[in-house]
């Protein structure tokens, strides 16, 4: 039989961290890219289009796909 004391201690630690995170008061919303889910902290340039937010990397990637299709005609 396995030793469950380590698993129980790990579960208790995760529970404490979860409760600590819940208790922190967060006034600001975290803004994320609709495509890659990067936050504005990771990718500071965000563009809103039609009610959706996209980061500059996703916009550049989409432009590359569209430009490639037009060049291939």
N, C-alpha and C. Protein backbone atom coordinates (compact mmCIF):
# COMPACT_ATOMS: atom_id res chain seq x y z
N UNK A 1 0.83 -1.18 0.00
CA UNK A 1 0.00 0.00 0.00
C UNK A 1 0.88 1.25 0.00
N UNK A 2 0.40 2.26 -0.63
CA UNK A 2 1.16 3.50 -0.74
C UNK A 2 0.98 4.40 0.46
N UNK A 3 1.92 5.29 0.63
CA UNK A 3 1.88 6.26 1.71
C UNK A 3 1.04 7.45 1.27
N UNK A 4 -0.09 7.66 1.94
CA UNK A 4 -1.00 8.73 1.54
C UNK A 4 -0.74 10.04 2.25
N UNK A 5 0.22 10.08 3.15
CA UNK A 5 0.45 11.31 3.90
C UNK A 5 0.96 12.42 2.99
N UNK A 6 1.77 12.07 2.00
CA UNK A 6 2.28 13.09 1.07
C UNK A 6 1.15 13.64 0.20
N UNK A 7 0.28 12.76 -0.25
CA UNK A 7 -0.84 13.19 -1.09
C UNK A 7 -1.79 14.08 -0.30
N UNK A 8 -2.05 13.72 0.95
CA UNK A 8 -2.93 14.53 1.79
C UNK A 8 -2.32 15.90 2.06
N UNK A 9 -1.01 15.94 2.30
CA UNK A 9 -0.33 17.21 2.54
C UNK A 9 -0.38 18.09 1.29
N UNK A 10 -0.21 17.47 0.12
CA UNK A 10 -0.25 18.20 -1.14
C UNK A 10 -1.65 18.78 -1.39
N UNK A 11 -2.68 17.99 -1.10
CA UNK A 11 -4.06 18.47 -1.27
C UNK A 11 -4.35 19.64 -0.34
N UNK A 12 -3.86 19.55 0.89
CA UNK A 12 -4.06 20.63 1.85
C UNK A 12 -3.35 21.90 1.39
N UNK A 13 -2.15 21.76 0.84
CA UNK A 13 -1.40 22.93 0.36
C UNK A 13 -2.11 23.59 -0.82
N UNK A 14 -2.61 22.78 -1.74
CA UNK A 14 -3.34 23.31 -2.89
C UNK A 14 -4.61 24.03 -2.41
N UNK A 15 -5.29 23.46 -1.43
CA UNK A 15 -6.48 24.10 -0.89
C UNK A 15 -6.17 25.44 -0.25
N UNK A 16 -5.06 25.52 0.49
CA UNK A 16 -4.66 26.79 1.10
C UNK A 16 -4.34 27.84 0.04
N UNK A 17 -3.61 27.44 -0.99
CA UNK A 17 -3.25 28.38 -2.06
C UNK A 17 -4.50 28.86 -2.79
N UNK A 18 -5.46 27.96 -3.00
CA UNK A 18 -6.69 28.33 -3.69
C UNK A 18 -7.48 29.34 -2.86
N UNK A 19 -7.61 29.10 -1.58
CA UNK A 19 -8.33 30.03 -0.71
C UNK A 19 -7.62 31.37 -0.63
N UNK A 20 -6.29 31.35 -0.62
CA UNK A 20 -5.52 32.59 -0.59
C UNK A 20 -5.74 33.40 -1.86
N UNK A 21 -5.76 32.72 -3.00
CA UNK A 21 -5.99 33.40 -4.27
C UNK A 21 -7.40 33.97 -4.35
N UNK A 22 -8.38 33.24 -3.81
CA UNK A 22 -9.76 33.74 -3.82
C UNK A 22 -9.92 34.96 -2.94
N UNK A 23 -9.17 35.01 -1.85
CA UNK A 23 -9.34 36.10 -0.91
C UNK A 23 -8.70 37.41 -1.38
N UNK A 24 -7.79 37.34 -2.34
CA UNK A 24 -7.16 38.56 -2.85
C UNK A 24 -8.21 39.37 -3.61
N UNK A 25 -8.26 40.64 -3.32
CA UNK A 25 -9.24 41.52 -3.94
C UNK A 25 -8.67 42.03 -5.26
N UNK A 26 -9.30 41.67 -6.35
CA UNK A 26 -8.83 42.10 -7.67
C UNK A 26 -9.83 43.09 -8.23
N UNK A 27 -9.40 44.34 -8.35
CA UNK A 27 -10.28 45.38 -8.85
C UNK A 27 -10.23 45.50 -10.37
N UNK A 28 -9.12 45.15 -10.97
CA UNK A 28 -8.97 45.32 -12.41
C UNK A 28 -9.27 44.01 -13.13
N UNK A 29 -9.80 44.14 -14.33
CA UNK A 29 -10.07 42.97 -15.16
C UNK A 29 -8.82 42.61 -15.94
N UNK A 30 -8.61 41.35 -16.18
CA UNK A 30 -7.49 40.89 -16.98
C UNK A 30 -7.96 40.77 -18.42
N UNK A 31 -7.35 41.51 -19.32
CA UNK A 31 -7.74 41.52 -20.72
C UNK A 31 -6.89 40.49 -21.46
N UNK A 32 -7.55 39.64 -22.25
CA UNK A 32 -6.85 38.58 -22.98
C UNK A 32 -7.21 38.62 -24.46
N UNK A 33 -6.28 38.13 -25.27
CA UNK A 33 -6.48 38.00 -26.71
C UNK A 33 -7.51 36.89 -26.96
N UNK A 34 -8.44 37.11 -27.88
CA UNK A 34 -9.47 36.13 -28.18
C UNK A 34 -8.90 34.89 -28.86
N UNK A 35 -7.78 35.01 -29.52
CA UNK A 35 -7.22 33.90 -30.28
C UNK A 35 -6.24 33.07 -29.46
N UNK A 36 -5.19 33.69 -28.95
CA UNK A 36 -4.12 32.94 -28.28
C UNK A 36 -4.22 33.00 -26.76
N UNK A 37 -5.12 33.82 -26.22
CA UNK A 37 -5.38 33.97 -24.80
C UNK A 37 -4.22 34.59 -24.01
N UNK A 38 -3.29 35.27 -24.69
CA UNK A 38 -2.25 36.00 -23.98
C UNK A 38 -2.88 37.20 -23.30
N UNK A 39 -2.36 37.53 -22.12
CA UNK A 39 -2.89 38.69 -21.41
C UNK A 39 -2.19 39.95 -21.87
N UNK A 40 -2.74 41.08 -21.50
CA UNK A 40 -2.12 42.35 -21.88
C UNK A 40 -0.79 42.54 -21.14
N UNK A 41 -0.56 41.75 -20.10
CA UNK A 41 0.73 41.81 -19.41
C UNK A 41 1.82 41.13 -20.23
N UNK A 42 1.45 40.10 -20.99
CA UNK A 42 2.41 39.38 -21.84
C UNK A 42 2.61 40.09 -23.18
N UNK A 43 1.54 40.60 -23.74
CA UNK A 43 1.57 41.26 -25.05
C UNK A 43 0.90 42.62 -24.89
N UNK A 44 1.68 43.68 -24.74
CA UNK A 44 1.10 44.97 -24.37
C UNK A 44 0.24 45.64 -25.45
N UNK A 45 0.39 45.26 -26.71
CA UNK A 45 -0.39 45.91 -27.78
C UNK A 45 -1.60 45.04 -28.11
N UNK A 46 -2.77 45.55 -27.75
CA UNK A 46 -4.03 44.86 -28.01
C UNK A 46 -4.89 45.74 -28.90
N UNK A 47 -5.58 45.13 -29.87
CA UNK A 47 -6.42 45.87 -30.80
C UNK A 47 -7.83 45.31 -30.69
N UNK A 48 -8.82 46.22 -30.58
CA UNK A 48 -10.22 45.81 -30.51
C UNK A 48 -10.82 45.93 -31.91
N UNK A 49 -11.46 44.84 -32.34
CA UNK A 49 -12.14 44.83 -33.64
C UNK A 49 -13.48 44.13 -33.47
N UNK A 50 -14.54 44.85 -33.66
CA UNK A 50 -15.88 44.26 -33.59
C UNK A 50 -16.22 43.68 -32.24
N UNK A 51 -15.74 44.27 -31.18
CA UNK A 51 -16.03 43.78 -29.84
C UNK A 51 -15.08 42.68 -29.37
N UNK A 52 -14.12 42.31 -30.19
CA UNK A 52 -13.14 41.29 -29.82
C UNK A 52 -11.77 41.94 -29.69
N UNK A 53 -10.94 41.38 -28.82
CA UNK A 53 -9.58 41.88 -28.63
C UNK A 53 -8.59 40.88 -29.19
N UNK A 54 -7.61 41.39 -29.93
CA UNK A 54 -6.56 40.54 -30.49
C UNK A 54 -5.21 41.18 -30.21
N UNK A 55 -4.18 40.35 -29.99
CA UNK A 55 -2.84 40.89 -29.76
C UNK A 55 -2.17 41.13 -31.11
N UNK A 56 -1.10 41.88 -31.08
CA UNK A 56 -0.42 42.24 -32.32
C UNK A 56 0.18 41.02 -33.02
N UNK A 57 0.59 40.00 -32.26
CA UNK A 57 1.14 38.80 -32.89
C UNK A 57 0.09 38.05 -33.69
N UNK A 58 -1.12 37.94 -33.16
CA UNK A 58 -2.19 37.24 -33.88
C UNK A 58 -2.62 38.01 -35.12
N UNK A 59 -2.63 39.33 -35.02
CA UNK A 59 -2.99 40.15 -36.18
C UNK A 59 -1.93 39.99 -37.27
N UNK A 60 -0.66 39.97 -36.88
CA UNK A 60 0.42 39.79 -37.85
C UNK A 60 0.33 38.41 -38.50
N UNK A 61 0.03 37.38 -37.73
CA UNK A 61 -0.11 36.04 -38.28
C UNK A 61 -1.29 35.95 -39.25
N UNK A 62 -2.40 36.57 -38.89
CA UNK A 62 -3.57 36.56 -39.78
C UNK A 62 -3.29 37.32 -41.07
N UNK A 63 -2.57 38.43 -40.96
CA UNK A 63 -2.21 39.19 -42.15
C UNK A 63 -1.34 38.34 -43.08
N UNK A 64 -0.41 37.58 -42.49
CA UNK A 64 0.45 36.72 -43.31
C UNK A 64 -0.34 35.66 -44.05
N UNK A 65 -1.38 35.11 -43.42
CA UNK A 65 -2.22 34.11 -44.07
C UNK A 65 -3.01 34.74 -45.21
N UNK A 66 -3.61 35.90 -44.96
CA UNK A 66 -4.41 36.57 -45.98
C UNK A 66 -3.52 37.03 -47.13
N UNK A 67 -2.36 37.59 -46.83
CA UNK A 67 -1.45 38.05 -47.89
C UNK A 67 -0.94 36.87 -48.71
N UNK A 68 -0.72 35.74 -48.09
CA UNK A 68 -0.26 34.55 -48.81
C UNK A 68 -1.32 34.02 -49.75
N UNK A 69 -2.59 34.08 -49.37
CA UNK A 69 -3.67 33.60 -50.23
C UNK A 69 -3.83 34.51 -51.45
N UNK A 70 -3.72 35.82 -51.23
CA UNK A 70 -3.89 36.74 -52.35
C UNK A 70 -2.73 36.61 -53.33
N UNK A 71 -1.53 36.35 -52.82
CA UNK A 71 -0.37 36.21 -53.70
C UNK A 71 -0.43 34.92 -54.50
N UNK A 72 -1.11 33.89 -53.96
CA UNK A 72 -1.17 32.60 -54.62
C UNK A 72 -2.23 32.49 -55.70
N UNK A 73 -3.02 33.51 -55.91
CA UNK A 73 -4.10 33.43 -56.91
C UNK A 73 -3.58 33.33 -58.29
